[in-house]
């Protein structure tokens, strides 16, 4: 692999905390219409190409990464403030290549991010409930971070930025964050200028090489954000196991739940009665590698939950069977 940029200048003190599992694949692959109206119209040839060719974001795949530093954000576990946009500066390396490299080398390069994106895959390798080492100490304690892989064709670039924009929008919706360009979605260049802890300018230069910029990327994020918020998703088979009918499935089955770290519990969540949010339960959890009876399944913002007690739900990503 060619030389790798180093994107972490100082790491927050790591605290060993419970991790959210991500051992399954295929979280959600929405089918977005090519001509859906958004708050901001596409303003670039790339965005027009995405719309004209009805390019669809791919499913988010969850992989168990090797990063062992489980630290919450400054506002707490599961409370990021937004998403930082990176690019890898490694021509030709795929998301699979980058995941392999970072899982092997992060202790040496002192760098890790939540996800890598190329034109074919979105690979999430660390729970977005916890911080990573990607943009300096302040940003690491605030933001989810995603790297865009460098590609060599216009079609591949369009598909890759569609995937990165979708991942960004999905995280904003998942964590109940507004879409505010420059505040909840920032480039690494923005972070460098804001906190002065790194000197990186990505992805500005790489975007520019394709006639693209952050304003146009924001248009694309806004498109997916609006569609996710309004439920404009034609792909109803987004759960990690079984089919849903209107987002709900009934019927008693026994499931096994397991956390990636055998010493950590599996978190529980209560779902809001209006169906638009959740609250993490902090005073109890499930022991890892234990069996539980579940009688209902619900989908919320593309994430599947299984009920194990009265309004106590476990994410499908923890279910092993």
C-alpha atoms as a PDB file:
ATOM      1  CA  UNK A   1       0.000   0.000   0.000  1.00  0.00           C
ATOM      2  CA  UNK A   2       1.240   3.483  -0.782  1.00  0.00           C
ATOM      3  CA  UNK A   3       2.106   5.962   1.926  1.00  0.00           C
ATOM      4  CA  UNK A   4      -0.662   6.693   4.377  1.00  0.00           C
ATOM      5  CA  UNK A   5      -1.521  10.128   5.695  1.00  0.00           C
ATOM      6  CA  UNK A   6      -1.452  10.463   9.456  1.00  0.00           C
ATOM      7  CA  UNK A   7      -4.649  12.131  10.627  1.00  0.00           C
ATOM      8  CA  UNK A   8      -4.440  12.067  14.390  1.00  0.00           C
ATOM      9  CA  UNK A   9      -2.309  14.476  16.379  1.00  0.00           C
ATOM     10  CA  UNK A  10      -3.467  13.822  19.925  1.00  0.00           C
ATOM     11  CA  UNK A  11      -5.693  11.104  21.354  1.00  0.00           C
ATOM     12  CA  UNK A  12      -8.224  11.451  24.118  1.00  0.00           C
ATOM     13  CA  UNK A  13      -7.677   9.358  27.212  1.00  0.00           C
ATOM     14  CA  UNK A  14      -9.290   6.052  26.418  1.00  0.00           C
ATOM     15  CA  UNK A  15     -11.905   4.690  28.775  1.00  0.00           C
ATOM     16  CA  UNK A  16     -12.977   1.061  28.539  1.00  0.00           C
ATOM     17  CA  UNK A  17     -16.722   1.221  27.954  1.00  0.00           C
ATOM     18  CA  UNK A  18     -19.335  -1.093  26.541  1.00  0.00           C
ATOM     19  CA  UNK A  19     -19.293  -1.292  22.763  1.00  0.00           C
ATOM     20  CA  UNK A  20     -22.223  -1.498  20.416  1.00  0.00           C
ATOM     21  CA  UNK A  21     -21.984  -4.664  18.343  1.00  0.00           C
ATOM     22  CA  UNK A  22     -21.692  -4.551  14.606  1.00  0.00           C
ATOM     23  CA  UNK A  23     -21.224  -8.117  13.528  1.00  0.00           C
ATOM     24  CA  UNK A  24     -23.875  -8.201  10.831  1.00  0.00           C
ATOM     25  CA  UNK A  25     -23.951  -6.718   7.354  1.00  0.00           C
ATOM     26  CA  UNK A  26     -26.445  -4.875   5.231  1.00  0.00           C
ATOM     27  CA  UNK A  27     -27.999  -2.337   7.562  1.00  0.00           C
ATOM     28  CA  UNK A  28     -29.923  -0.338   5.000  1.00  0.00           C
ATOM     29  CA  UNK A  29     -29.725   0.353   1.301  1.00  0.00           C
ATOM     30  CA  UNK A  30     -32.364   2.975   0.491  1.00  0.00           C
ATOM     31  CA  UNK A  31     -33.814   3.346  -2.967  1.00  0.00           C
ATOM     32  CA  UNK A  32     -33.853   7.091  -3.637  1.00  0.00           C
ATOM     33  CA  UNK A  33     -35.661   8.469  -6.664  1.00  0.00           C
ATOM     34  CA  UNK A  34     -33.598  10.279  -9.256  1.00  0.00           C
ATOM     35  CA  UNK A  35     -35.853  13.331  -9.374  1.00  0.00           C
ATOM     36  CA  UNK A  36     -36.882  13.767  -5.735  1.00  0.00           C
ATOM     37  CA  UNK A  37     -37.023  17.442  -4.816  1.00  0.00           C
ATOM     38  CA  UNK A  38     -34.770  18.570  -1.975  1.00  0.00           C
ATOM     39  CA  UNK A  39     -34.284  21.746   0.012  1.00  0.00           C
ATOM     40  CA  UNK A  40     -31.186  22.489  -2.033  1.00  0.00           C
ATOM     41  CA  UNK A  41     -31.003  21.580  -5.693  1.00  0.00           C
ATOM     42  CA  UNK A  42     -28.021  19.645  -6.994  1.00  0.00           C
ATOM     43  CA  UNK A  43     -25.557  22.199  -8.328  1.00  0.00           C
ATOM     44  CA  UNK A  44     -22.802  20.156  -9.944  1.00  0.00           C
ATOM     45  CA  UNK A  45     -22.206  17.852 -12.876  1.00  0.00           C
ATOM     46  CA  UNK A  46     -21.500  15.045 -10.387  1.00  0.00           C
ATOM     47  CA  UNK A  47     -24.782  15.502  -8.526  1.00  0.00           C
ATOM     48  CA  UNK A  48     -26.623  15.806 -11.827  1.00  0.00           C
ATOM     49  CA  UNK A  49     -24.961  12.568 -12.965  1.00  0.00           C
ATOM     50  CA  UNK A  50     -26.102  10.830  -9.767  1.00  0.00           C
ATOM     51  CA  UNK A  51     -29.677  12.000 -10.281  1.00  0.00           C
ATOM     52  CA  UNK A  52     -29.792  11.340 -14.025  1.00  0.00           C
ATOM     53  CA  UNK A  53     -28.479   7.795 -13.598  1.00  0.00           C
ATOM     54  CA  UNK A  54     -30.523   7.144 -10.454  1.00  0.00           C
ATOM     55  CA  UNK A  55     -27.407   6.052  -8.568  1.00  0.00           C
ATOM     56  CA  UNK A  56     -28.375   4.409  -5.293  1.00  0.00           C
ATOM     57  CA  UNK A  57     -26.314   4.335  -2.089  1.00  0.00           C
ATOM     58  CA  UNK A  58     -25.239   0.840  -1.095  1.00  0.00           C
ATOM     59  CA  UNK A  59     -25.954  -0.918   2.197  1.00  0.00           C
ATOM     60  CA  UNK A  60     -23.919  -0.041   5.263  1.00  0.00           C
ATOM     61  CA  UNK A  61     -21.906  -3.107   6.239  1.00  0.00           C
ATOM     62  CA  UNK A  62     -20.867  -3.525   9.856  1.00  0.00           C
ATOM     63  CA  UNK A  63     -17.532  -5.187  10.556  1.00  0.00           C
ATOM     64  CA  UNK A  64     -15.896  -5.910  13.888  1.00  0.00           C
ATOM     65  CA  UNK A  65     -12.820  -3.685  13.933  1.00  0.00           C
ATOM     66  CA  UNK A  66      -9.679  -4.043  16.014  1.00  0.00           C
ATOM     67  CA  UNK A  67      -9.687  -0.580  17.624  1.00  0.00           C
ATOM     68  CA  UNK A  68      -9.664  -1.214  21.379  1.00  0.00           C
ATOM     69  CA  UNK A  69     -10.115   2.346  22.628  1.00  0.00           C
ATOM     70  CA  UNK A  70     -13.746   2.677  23.730  1.00  0.00           C
ATOM     71  CA  UNK A  71     -14.278   6.273  24.821  1.00  0.00           C
ATOM     72  CA  UNK A  72     -17.484   8.268  24.797  1.00  0.00           C
ATOM     73  CA  UNK A  73     -17.906  11.675  23.230  1.00  0.00           C
ATOM     74  CA  UNK A  74     -17.636  14.762  25.405  1.00  0.00           C
ATOM     75  CA  UNK A  75     -21.429  14.773  25.781  1.00  0.00           C
ATOM     76  CA  UNK A  76     -21.535  11.046  26.548  1.00  0.00           C
ATOM     77  CA  UNK A  77     -21.690   7.639  24.908  1.00  0.00           C
ATOM     78  CA  UNK A  78     -23.985   7.684  21.901  1.00  0.00           C
ATOM     79  CA  UNK A  79     -23.976  11.483  21.694  1.00  0.00           C
ATOM     80  CA  UNK A  80     -21.875  12.618  18.738  1.00  0.00           C
ATOM     81  CA  UNK A  81     -22.244  16.197  17.520  1.00  0.00           C
ATOM     82  CA  UNK A  82     -21.889  15.529  13.814  1.00  0.00           C
ATOM     83  CA  UNK A  83     -19.798  13.899  11.089  1.00  0.00           C
ATOM     84  CA  UNK A  84     -16.305  14.745   9.785  1.00  0.00           C
ATOM     85  CA  UNK A  85     -15.618  14.063   6.101  1.00  0.00           C
ATOM     86  CA  UNK A  86     -12.161  12.712   5.205  1.00  0.00           C
ATOM     87  CA  UNK A  87     -10.516  11.219   2.130  1.00  0.00           C
ATOM     88  CA  UNK A  88      -7.722   8.682   2.285  1.00  0.00           C
ATOM     89  CA  UNK A  89      -5.106  10.292   0.004  1.00  0.00           C
ATOM     90  CA  UNK A  90      -4.293   6.747  -1.186  1.00  0.00           C
ATOM     91  CA  UNK A  91      -5.033   6.389  -4.933  1.00  0.00           C
ATOM     92  CA  UNK A  92      -6.505   3.051  -5.907  1.00  0.00           C
ATOM     93  CA  UNK A  93      -6.988   1.652  -2.401  1.00  0.00           C
ATOM     94  CA  UNK A  94     -10.495   0.277  -1.890  1.00  0.00           C
ATOM     95  CA  UNK A  95     -12.542   0.388   1.298  1.00  0.00           C
ATOM     96  CA  UNK A  96     -11.586  -3.251   1.871  1.00  0.00           C
ATOM     97  CA  UNK A  97      -7.891  -2.357   1.468  1.00  0.00           C
ATOM     98  CA  UNK A  98      -8.191   0.523   3.927  1.00  0.00           C
ATOM     99  CA  UNK A  99     -10.048  -1.540   6.519  1.00  0.00           C
ATOM    100  CA  UNK A 100      -7.367  -4.233   6.361  1.00  0.00           C
ATOM    101  CA  UNK A 101      -4.606  -1.653   6.690  1.00  0.00           C
ATOM    102  CA  UNK A 102      -6.119   0.299   9.571  1.00  0.00           C
ATOM    103  CA  UNK A 103      -7.136  -2.802  11.513  1.00  0.00           C
ATOM    104  CA  UNK A 104      -3.532  -3.953  11.310  1.00  0.00           C
ATOM    105  CA  UNK A 105      -1.652  -0.687  11.695  1.00  0.00           C
ATOM    106  CA  UNK A 106      -3.695   1.624  13.936  1.00  0.00           C
ATOM    107  CA  UNK A 107      -1.496   0.979  17.025  1.00  0.00           C
ATOM    108  CA  UNK A 108       1.504   2.153  14.976  1.00  0.00           C
ATOM    109  CA  UNK A 109      -0.035   5.060  13.072  1.00  0.00           C
ATOM    110  CA  UNK A 110      -2.287   6.101  15.986  1.00  0.00           C
ATOM    111  CA  UNK A 111      -5.216   6.685  13.639  1.00  0.00           C
ATOM    112  CA  UNK A 112      -8.660   5.122  13.269  1.00  0.00           C
ATOM    113  CA  UNK A 113     -12.033   6.183  11.861  1.00  0.00           C
ATOM    114  CA  UNK A 114     -15.556   4.813  12.002  1.00  0.00           C
ATOM    115  CA  UNK A 115     -16.037   3.940   8.351  1.00  0.00           C
ATOM    116  CA  UNK A 116     -14.489   3.716   4.891  1.00  0.00           C
ATOM    117  CA  UNK A 117     -16.440   4.331   1.708  1.00  0.00           C
ATOM    118  CA  UNK A 118     -15.712   3.639  -1.942  1.00  0.00           C
ATOM    119  CA  UNK A 119     -17.904   3.289  -5.022  1.00  0.00           C
ATOM    120  CA  UNK A 120     -19.017  -0.212  -4.072  1.00  0.00           C
ATOM    121  CA  UNK A 121     -19.053  -0.451  -0.275  1.00  0.00           C
ATOM    122  CA  UNK A 122     -19.682   1.387   2.985  1.00  0.00           C
ATOM    123  CA  UNK A 123     -17.712  -0.446   5.689  1.00  0.00           C
ATOM    124  CA  UNK A 124     -18.343   0.603   9.303  1.00  0.00           C
ATOM    125  CA  UNK A 125     -15.628  -0.766  11.590  1.00  0.00           C
ATOM    126  CA  UNK A 126     -16.199   0.998  14.923  1.00  0.00           C
ATOM    127  CA  UNK A 127     -19.410   1.793  16.753  1.00  0.00           C
ATOM    128  CA  UNK A 128     -20.527   5.354  16.105  1.00  0.00           C
ATOM    129  CA  UNK A 129     -21.573   5.520  19.764  1.00  0.00           C
ATOM    130  CA  UNK A 130     -17.879   5.984  20.586  1.00  0.00           C
ATOM    131  CA  UNK A 131     -15.108   8.281  19.414  1.00  0.00           C
ATOM    132  CA  UNK A 132     -12.106   7.466  17.224  1.00  0.00           C
ATOM    133  CA  UNK A 133      -8.685   8.948  16.456  1.00  0.00           C
ATOM    134  CA  UNK A 134      -9.019  10.804  13.176  1.00  0.00           C
ATOM    135  CA  UNK A 135      -8.890  14.584  13.437  1.00  0.00           C
ATOM    136  CA  UNK A 136      -7.216  15.743  16.657  1.00  0.00           C
ATOM    137  CA  UNK A 137      -8.338  15.469  20.256  1.00  0.00           C
ATOM    138  CA  UNK A 138     -11.175  17.991  20.201  1.00  0.00           C
ATOM    139  CA  UNK A 139     -12.806  16.637  17.052  1.00  0.00           C
ATOM    140  CA  UNK A 140     -12.226  13.049  18.144  1.00  0.00           C
ATOM    141  CA  UNK A 141     -14.389  13.735  21.185  1.00  0.00           C
ATOM    142  CA  UNK A 142     -17.171  15.290  19.137  1.00  0.00           C
ATOM    143  CA  UNK A 143     -17.625  13.668  15.744  1.00  0.00           C
ATOM    144  CA  UNK A 144     -18.261  10.497  13.797  1.00  0.00           C
ATOM    145  CA  UNK A 145     -15.583  10.233  11.095  1.00  0.00           C
ATOM    146  CA  UNK A 146     -15.753   8.670   7.639  1.00  0.00           C
ATOM    147  CA  UNK A 147     -13.034   8.313   4.969  1.00  0.00           C
ATOM    148  CA  UNK A 148     -13.672   8.441   1.221  1.00  0.00           C
ATOM    149  CA  UNK A 149     -11.446   6.246  -0.936  1.00  0.00           C
ATOM    150  CA  UNK A 150      -9.832   7.632  -4.094  1.00  0.00           C
ATOM    151  CA  UNK A 151     -11.172   6.271  -7.394  1.00  0.00           C
ATOM    152  CA  UNK A 152     -10.219   6.703 -11.038  1.00  0.00           C
ATOM    153  CA  UNK A 153     -13.414   7.307 -13.025  1.00  0.00           C
ATOM    154  CA  UNK A 154     -16.265   9.805 -12.973  1.00  0.00           C
ATOM    155  CA  UNK A 155     -18.829   7.062 -12.454  1.00  0.00           C
ATOM    156  CA  UNK A 156     -16.884   5.618  -9.515  1.00  0.00           C
ATOM    157  CA  UNK A 157     -16.443   9.072  -7.963  1.00  0.00           C
ATOM    158  CA  UNK A 158     -20.162   9.785  -8.250  1.00  0.00           C
ATOM    159  CA  UNK A 159     -21.033   6.467  -6.638  1.00  0.00           C
ATOM    160  CA  UNK A 160     -18.483   6.942  -3.878  1.00  0.00           C
ATOM    161  CA  UNK A 161     -19.666  10.425  -2.869  1.00  0.00           C
ATOM    162  CA  UNK A 162     -23.272   9.202  -2.990  1.00  0.00           C
ATOM    163  CA  UNK A 163     -22.290   6.481  -0.522  1.00  0.00           C
ATOM    164  CA  UNK A 164     -20.412   8.919   1.725  1.00  0.00           C
ATOM    165  CA  UNK A 165     -23.250  11.446   1.652  1.00  0.00           C
ATOM    166  CA  UNK A 166     -25.770   8.741   2.502  1.00  0.00           C
ATOM    167  CA  UNK A 167     -23.647   7.440   5.397  1.00  0.00           C
ATOM    168  CA  UNK A 168     -23.402  11.001   6.713  1.00  0.00           C
ATOM    169  CA  UNK A 169     -27.137  11.633   6.434  1.00  0.00           C
ATOM    170  CA  UNK A 170     -27.946   8.284   8.021  1.00  0.00           C
ATOM    171  CA  UNK A 171     -25.814   9.070  11.066  1.00  0.00           C
ATOM    172  CA  UNK A 172     -27.370  12.497  11.488  1.00  0.00           C
ATOM    173  CA  UNK A 173     -30.860  11.018  11.434  1.00  0.00           C
ATOM    174  CA  UNK A 174     -29.870   8.103  13.663  1.00  0.00           C
ATOM    175  CA  UNK A 175     -28.585  10.399  16.393  1.00  0.00           C
ATOM    176  CA  UNK A 176     -31.313  13.014  16.051  1.00  0.00           C
ATOM    177  CA  UNK A 177     -28.932  15.693  14.764  1.00  0.00           C
ATOM    178  CA  UNK A 178     -29.919  18.553  12.458  1.00  0.00           C
ATOM    179  CA  UNK A 179     -28.248  18.873   9.091  1.00  0.00           C
ATOM    180  CA  UNK A 180     -26.236  22.089   9.427  1.00  0.00           C
ATOM    181  CA  UNK A 181     -23.365  22.420   6.928  1.00  0.00           C
ATOM    182  CA  UNK A 182     -20.146  23.419   8.647  1.00  0.00           C
ATOM    183  CA  UNK A 183     -21.563  22.587  12.078  1.00  0.00           C
ATOM    184  CA  UNK A 184     -22.909  19.026  12.092  1.00  0.00           C
ATOM    185  CA  UNK A 185     -21.161  18.081   8.842  1.00  0.00           C
ATOM    186  CA  UNK A 186     -17.571  19.283   8.467  1.00  0.00           C
ATOM    187  CA  UNK A 187     -14.614  18.530   6.251  1.00  0.00           C
ATOM    188  CA  UNK A 188     -11.267  17.733   7.851  1.00  0.00           C
ATOM    189  CA  UNK A 189     -10.240  21.089   6.430  1.00  0.00           C
ATOM    190  CA  UNK A 190     -13.001  22.732   8.500  1.00  0.00           C
ATOM    191  CA  UNK A 191     -11.780  20.907  11.599  1.00  0.00           C
ATOM    192  CA  UNK A 192      -8.193  22.046  11.024  1.00  0.00           C
ATOM    193  CA  UNK A 193      -9.326  25.653  10.702  1.00  0.00           C
ATOM    194  CA  UNK A 194     -11.685  25.410  13.670  1.00  0.00           C
ATOM    195  CA  UNK A 195      -9.514  23.677  16.270  1.00  0.00           C
ATOM    196  CA  UNK A 196      -5.962  24.090  14.910  1.00  0.00           C
ATOM    197  CA  UNK A 197      -4.938  20.608  16.072  1.00  0.00           C
ATOM    198  CA  UNK A 198      -4.305  19.206  12.598  1.00  0.00           C
ATOM    199  CA  UNK A 199      -3.178  20.760   9.323  1.00  0.00           C
ATOM    200  CA  UNK A 200      -5.087  18.552   6.883  1.00  0.00           C
ATOM    201  CA  UNK A 201      -7.277  20.049   4.170  1.00  0.00           C
ATOM    202  CA  UNK A 202      -9.093  16.951   2.905  1.00  0.00           C
ATOM    203  CA  UNK A 203     -11.289  16.299   1.096  1.00  0.00           C
ATOM    204  CA  UNK A 204     -11.093  19.733  -0.554  1.00  0.00           C
ATOM    205  CA  UNK A 205      -8.225  18.997  -2.945  1.00  0.00           C
ATOM    206  CA  UNK A 206      -9.528  15.590  -3.968  1.00  0.00           C
ATOM    207  CA  UNK A 207     -13.040  16.945  -4.530  1.00  0.00           C
ATOM    208  CA  UNK A 208     -11.586  19.757  -6.623  1.00  0.00           C
ATOM    209  CA  UNK A 209      -9.835  17.272  -8.909  1.00  0.00           C
ATOM    210  CA  UNK A 210     -13.318  16.057  -9.911  1.00  0.00           C
ATOM    211  CA  UNK A 211     -14.795  19.555 -10.238  1.00  0.00           C
ATOM    212  CA  UNK A 212     -16.573  19.048  -6.918  1.00  0.00           C
ATOM    213  CA  UNK A 213     -16.668  20.940  -3.610  1.00  0.00           C
ATOM    214  CA  UNK A 214     -18.102  20.740  -0.109  1.00  0.00           C
ATOM    215  CA  UNK A 215     -21.117  22.923  -0.986  1.00  0.00           C
ATOM    216  CA  UNK A 216     -22.113  20.439  -3.667  1.00  0.00           C
ATOM    217  CA  UNK A 217     -21.500  17.570  -1.257  1.00  0.00           C
ATOM    218  CA  UNK A 218     -23.792  19.307   1.240  1.00  0.00           C
ATOM    219  CA  UNK A 219     -26.505  19.357  -1.444  1.00  0.00           C
ATOM    220  CA  UNK A 220     -26.192  15.595  -1.713  1.00  0.00           C
ATOM    221  CA  UNK A 221     -26.225  15.051   2.056  1.00  0.00           C
ATOM    222  CA  UNK A 222     -29.300  17.261   2.268  1.00  0.00           C
ATOM    223  CA  UNK A 223     -31.060  15.174  -0.360  1.00  0.00           C
ATOM    224  CA  UNK A 224     -30.563  11.928   1.554  1.00  0.00           C
ATOM    225  CA  UNK A 225     -31.186  13.573   4.926  1.00  0.00           C
ATOM    226  CA  UNK A 226     -34.568  14.912   3.799  1.00  0.00           C
ATOM    227  CA  UNK A 227     -35.554  11.593   2.297  1.00  0.00           C
ATOM    228  CA  UNK A 228     -34.592   9.684   5.442  1.00  0.00           C
ATOM    229  CA  UNK A 229     -36.420  12.166   7.650  1.00  0.00           C
ATOM    230  CA  UNK A 230     -39.592  11.889   5.583  1.00  0.00           C
ATOM    231  CA  UNK A 231     -39.353   8.119   5.263  1.00  0.00           C
ATOM    232  CA  UNK A 232     -38.946   8.185   1.473  1.00  0.00           C
ATOM    233  CA  UNK A 233     -37.359   4.742   1.286  1.00  0.00           C
ATOM    234  CA  UNK A 234     -38.622   2.198  -1.223  1.00  0.00           C
ATOM    235  CA  UNK A 235     -36.490  -0.673   0.069  1.00  0.00           C
ATOM    236  CA  UNK A 236     -38.472  -2.322   2.876  1.00  0.00           C
ATOM    237  CA  UNK A 237     -36.127  -5.263   3.393  1.00  0.00           C
ATOM    238  CA  UNK A 238     -33.605  -3.392   5.511  1.00  0.00           C
ATOM    239  CA  UNK A 239     -33.567  -5.446   8.687  1.00  0.00           C
ATOM    240  CA  UNK A 240     -30.765  -7.840   9.497  1.00  0.00           C
ATOM    241  CA  UNK A 241     -32.953 -10.872   9.918  1.00  0.00           C
ATOM    242  CA  UNK A 242     -36.518 -11.672   8.892  1.00  0.00           C
ATOM    243  CA  UNK A 243     -39.001  -9.515   7.034  1.00  0.00           C
ATOM    244  CA  UNK A 244     -41.069  -6.711   8.480  1.00  0.00           C
ATOM    245  CA  UNK A 245     -44.594  -5.576   7.818  1.00  0.00           C
ATOM    246  CA  UNK A 246     -44.847  -1.840   8.268  1.00  0.00           C
ATOM    247  CA  UNK A 247     -41.681  -1.943  10.334  1.00  0.00           C
ATOM    248  CA  UNK A 248     -43.069  -4.431  12.870  1.00  0.00           C
ATOM    249  CA  UNK A 249     -42.907  -8.206  13.209  1.00  0.00           C
ATOM    250  CA  UNK A 250     -44.697 -10.276  15.871  1.00  0.00           C
ATOM    251  CA  UNK A 251     -43.999 -13.850  16.952  1.00  0.00           C
ATOM    252  CA  UNK A 252     -41.985 -15.379  19.794  1.00  0.00           C
ATOM    253  CA  UNK A 253     -38.509 -16.684  19.045  1.00  0.00           C
ATOM    254  CA  UNK A 254     -35.344 -17.189  21.071  1.00  0.00           C
ATOM    255  CA  UNK A 255     -32.303 -15.130  20.117  1.00  0.00           C
ATOM    256  CA  UNK A 256     -28.704 -15.180  21.258  1.00  0.00           C
ATOM    257  CA  UNK A 257     -27.097 -11.797  21.917  1.00  0.00           C
ATOM    258  CA  UNK A 258     -23.379 -11.161  22.024  1.00  0.00           C
ATOM    259  CA  UNK A 259     -21.143  -8.095  22.352  1.00  0.00           C
ATOM    260  CA  UNK A 260     -17.897  -7.908  20.339  1.00  0.00           C
ATOM    261  CA  UNK A 261     -15.959  -7.724  23.601  1.00  0.00           C
ATOM    262  CA  UNK A 262     -16.798 -10.700  25.814  1.00  0.00           C
ATOM    263  CA  UNK A 263     -16.224  -8.597  28.931  1.00  0.00           C
ATOM    264  CA  UNK A 264     -18.860  -6.032  27.978  1.00  0.00           C
ATOM    265  CA  UNK A 265     -22.682  -6.188  28.220  1.00  0.00           C
ATOM    266  CA  UNK A 266     -25.204  -5.795  25.425  1.00  0.00           C
ATOM    267  CA  UNK A 267     -27.028  -2.436  25.746  1.00  0.00           C
ATOM    268  CA  UNK A 268     -30.792  -2.060  25.919  1.00  0.00           C
ATOM    269  CA  UNK A 269     -32.942   0.719  24.480  1.00  0.00           C
ATOM    270  CA  UNK A 270     -36.450   2.030  25.098  1.00  0.00           C
ATOM    271  CA  UNK A 271     -38.296   3.182  21.978  1.00  0.00           C
ATOM    272  CA  UNK A 272     -40.301   6.393  22.019  1.00  0.00           C
ATOM    273  CA  UNK A 273     -44.065   5.963  21.755  1.00  0.00           C
ATOM    274  CA  UNK A 274     -44.204   8.212  18.688  1.00  0.00           C
ATOM    275  CA  UNK A 275     -41.873   5.816  16.843  1.00  0.00           C
ATOM    276  CA  UNK A 276     -39.333   8.543  16.070  1.00  0.00           C
ATOM    277  CA  UNK A 277     -36.546   7.963  18.558  1.00  0.00           C
ATOM    278  CA  UNK A 278     -35.042   5.908  21.346  1.00  0.00           C
ATOM    279  CA  UNK A 279     -33.345   6.242  24.726  1.00  0.00           C
ATOM    280  CA  UNK A 280     -30.471   4.110  25.875  1.00  0.00           C
ATOM    281  CA  UNK A 281     -31.193   2.321  29.168  1.00  0.00           C
ATOM    282  CA  UNK A 282     -28.270   3.015  31.484  1.00  0.00           C
ATOM    283  CA  UNK A 283     -29.093   1.046  34.629  1.00  0.00           C
ATOM    284  CA  UNK A 284     -29.303  -2.435  33.138  1.00  0.00           C
ATOM    285  CA  UNK A 285     -28.105  -4.452  30.154  1.00  0.00           C
ATOM    286  CA  UNK A 286     -27.950  -8.030  28.874  1.00  0.00           C
ATOM    287  CA  UNK A 287     -25.060 -10.356  29.582  1.00  0.00           C
ATOM    288  CA  UNK A 288     -23.139 -11.190  26.447  1.00  0.00           C
ATOM    289  CA  UNK A 289     -23.649 -14.624  24.841  1.00  0.00           C
ATOM    290  CA  UNK A 290     -27.023 -15.228  26.513  1.00  0.00           C
ATOM    291  CA  UNK A 291     -30.394 -16.351  25.130  1.00  0.00           C
ATOM    292  CA  UNK A 292     -33.549 -14.238  25.317  1.00  0.00           C
ATOM    293  CA  UNK A 293     -37.109 -14.642  24.131  1.00  0.00           C
ATOM    294  CA  UNK A 294     -38.291 -11.898  21.792  1.00  0.00           C
ATOM    295  CA  UNK A 295     -41.835 -11.316  20.577  1.00  0.00           C
ATOM    296  CA  UNK A 296     -41.617  -8.167  18.474  1.00  0.00           C
ATOM    297  CA  UNK A 297     -39.333  -6.567  15.924  1.00  0.00           C
ATOM    298  CA  UNK A 298     -39.400  -2.898  14.964  1.00  0.00           C
ATOM    299  CA  UNK A 299     -37.443  -0.808  12.473  1.00  0.00           C
ATOM    300  CA  UNK A 300     -36.426   2.722  13.452  1.00  0.00           C
ATOM    301  CA  UNK A 301     -34.419   4.918  11.061  1.00  0.00           C
ATOM    302  CA  UNK A 302     -33.173   1.831   9.261  1.00  0.00           C
ATOM    303  CA  UNK A 303     -32.080   0.012  12.428  1.00  0.00           C
ATOM    304  CA  UNK A 304     -33.877  -3.155  13.552  1.00  0.00           C
ATOM    305  CA  UNK A 305     -34.682  -3.663  17.249  1.00  0.00           C
ATOM    306  CA  UNK A 306     -35.962  -6.813  18.984  1.00  0.00           C
ATOM    307  CA  UNK A 307     -38.058  -6.613  22.150  1.00  0.00           C
ATOM    308  CA  UNK A 308     -36.869  -8.673  25.124  1.00  0.00           C
ATOM    309  CA  UNK A 309     -39.025  -7.021  27.848  1.00  0.00           C
ATOM    310  CA  UNK A 310     -41.671  -4.302  28.117  1.00  0.00           C
ATOM    311  CA  UNK A 311     -40.207  -1.456  26.074  1.00  0.00           C
ATOM    312  CA  UNK A 312     -36.721  -2.909  26.382  1.00  0.00           C
ATOM    313  CA  UNK A 313     -35.147  -3.575  23.010  1.00  0.00           C
ATOM    314  CA  UNK A 314     -31.821  -4.863  21.716  1.00  0.00           C
ATOM    315  CA  UNK A 315     -30.311  -3.839  18.378  1.00  0.00           C
ATOM    316  CA  UNK A 316     -30.349  -6.545  15.734  1.00  0.00           C
ATOM    317  CA  UNK A 317     -26.607  -6.000  15.282  1.00  0.00           C
ATOM    318  CA  UNK A 318     -26.056  -7.834  18.590  1.00  0.00           C
ATOM    319  CA  UNK A 319     -28.122 -10.867  17.551  1.00  0.00           C
ATOM    320  CA  UNK A 320     -26.011 -13.813  16.447  1.00  0.00           C
ATOM    321  CA  UNK A 321     -28.750 -16.169  15.216  1.00  0.00           C
END
